[in-house]
Protein backbone atom coordinates (compact mmCIF):
# COMPACT_ATOMS: atom_id res chain seq x y z
CA MET A 1 4.42 45.25 -9.76
CA SER A 2 2.24 42.18 -10.87
CA VAL A 3 -0.65 41.05 -8.67
CA SER A 4 1.09 37.73 -8.49
CA LYS A 5 4.34 39.22 -7.11
CA ILE A 6 2.30 41.08 -4.56
CA ALA A 7 0.29 38.25 -3.34
CA VAL A 8 3.57 36.32 -2.91
CA ARG A 9 5.08 39.21 -0.87
CA TYR A 10 2.06 39.20 1.35
CA ALA A 11 1.81 35.56 1.78
CA LYS A 12 5.49 35.42 2.78
CA ALA A 13 5.09 38.11 5.19
CA LEU A 14 2.20 36.72 6.89
CA PHE A 15 4.00 33.15 7.05
CA LEU A 16 7.11 34.48 8.52
CA ALA A 17 5.24 36.55 11.19
CA ALA A 18 3.11 33.42 12.02
CA ARG A 19 6.16 31.35 12.37
CA GLU A 20 8.03 33.74 14.44
CA GLN A 21 5.00 33.96 16.86
CA GLU A 22 4.41 30.32 16.71
CA VAL A 23 0.83 30.40 15.59
CA LEU A 24 1.17 28.97 12.11
CA GLU A 25 -1.70 26.47 12.56
CA LYS A 26 -4.00 29.11 14.13
CA ILE A 27 -3.15 31.54 11.26
CA ARG A 28 -3.98 28.76 8.68
CA HIS A 29 -7.31 28.14 10.24
CA ASP A 30 -7.94 31.76 10.52
CA MET A 31 -6.96 32.46 6.92
CA GLU A 32 -9.20 29.68 5.52
CA LEU A 33 -12.16 31.12 7.51
CA LEU A 34 -11.52 34.57 6.07
CA LEU A 35 -11.10 33.34 2.59
CA ASP A 36 -14.30 31.32 2.96
CA VAL A 37 -16.10 34.22 4.08
CA THR A 38 -14.87 36.72 1.51
CA THR A 39 -15.55 34.33 -1.36
CA LYS A 40 -19.00 33.04 -0.38
CA SER A 41 -20.83 35.92 1.32
CA THR A 42 -22.36 38.18 -1.35
CA ASP A 43 -22.73 40.94 1.19
CA ILE A 44 -19.10 40.92 2.19
CA ILE A 45 -18.02 40.63 -1.44
CA ARG A 46 -19.99 43.68 -2.21
CA LEU A 47 -18.64 45.53 0.66
CA LEU A 48 -14.98 44.82 -0.19
CA GLU A 49 -15.55 45.68 -3.99
CA SER A 50 -17.33 48.91 -3.14
CA PRO A 51 -15.29 51.97 -4.20
CA VAL A 52 -17.71 54.08 -2.22
CA VAL A 53 -17.03 52.40 1.14
CA GLU A 54 -13.80 53.57 2.77
CA SER A 55 -11.15 51.18 3.86
CA ALA A 56 -11.51 52.17 7.56
CA THR A 57 -15.29 51.30 7.33
CA LYS A 58 -14.62 47.82 5.70
CA PHE A 59 -12.13 47.10 8.55
CA ARG A 60 -14.52 48.04 11.20
CA VAL A 61 -17.04 45.58 9.78
CA PHE A 62 -14.55 42.91 9.73
CA SER A 63 -13.22 43.76 12.94
CA ALA A 64 -16.70 43.61 14.43
CA LEU A 65 -17.27 40.21 12.91
CA PHE A 66 -13.92 38.51 13.87
CA SER A 67 -12.43 40.34 16.67
CA GLY A 68 -11.93 37.73 19.56
CA ARG A 69 -12.71 34.90 16.85
CA ILE A 70 -9.39 35.11 14.91
CA ASN A 71 -5.79 35.65 15.90
CA SER A 72 -4.73 39.46 16.10
CA LEU A 73 -2.06 38.78 13.60
CA ALA A 74 -4.86 37.49 10.93
CA LEU A 75 -6.74 40.70 11.76
CA ASP A 76 -3.78 42.91 11.33
CA PHE A 77 -3.07 41.19 8.03
CA LEU A 78 -6.64 41.63 6.76
CA LYS A 79 -6.41 45.30 7.87
CA LEU A 80 -3.30 45.78 5.72
CA VAL A 81 -4.76 44.00 2.67
CA ILE A 82 -8.02 46.22 3.07
CA LYS A 83 -6.02 49.44 3.63
CA ASN A 84 -3.76 48.64 0.66
CA LYS A 85 -6.83 47.77 -1.66
CA ARG A 86 -5.22 44.25 -2.55
CA ARG A 87 -8.82 42.88 -2.90
CA GLY A 88 -8.34 42.73 -6.60
CA GLY A 89 -5.65 40.06 -6.37
CA ARG A 90 -8.00 38.00 -4.08
CA ASN A 91 -7.55 34.90 -6.10
CA LYS A 92 -3.83 35.06 -6.35
CA LEU A 93 -3.59 35.84 -2.56
CA LYS A 94 -5.78 32.99 -1.81
CA ARG A 95 -3.57 30.57 -3.61
CA GLU A 96 -0.45 31.92 -1.91
CA LEU A 97 -2.14 31.92 1.61
CA ARG A 98 -2.20 28.33 1.74
CA ILE A 99 0.53 28.39 4.40
């Protein structure tokens, strides 16, 4: 499956969950924050792109940074993206996440 199709599926799933939980605006803000950090921080970019660092470790770092600062749905979504190694489609996902 192409990266574009995957990004659309992830974005739709997040949108539907956020709408169902009535947290669309909060998720929009959280996604903007996460996307900003993952595109501007060279340390975070290196962490995410490192094949040596396990997904669980990557998520622990993000959890430590953002737990309590972003909605749990956004954090769960980030965990899914990291777990499924969807970092390579970051730009496509970024466009689709403009909820």
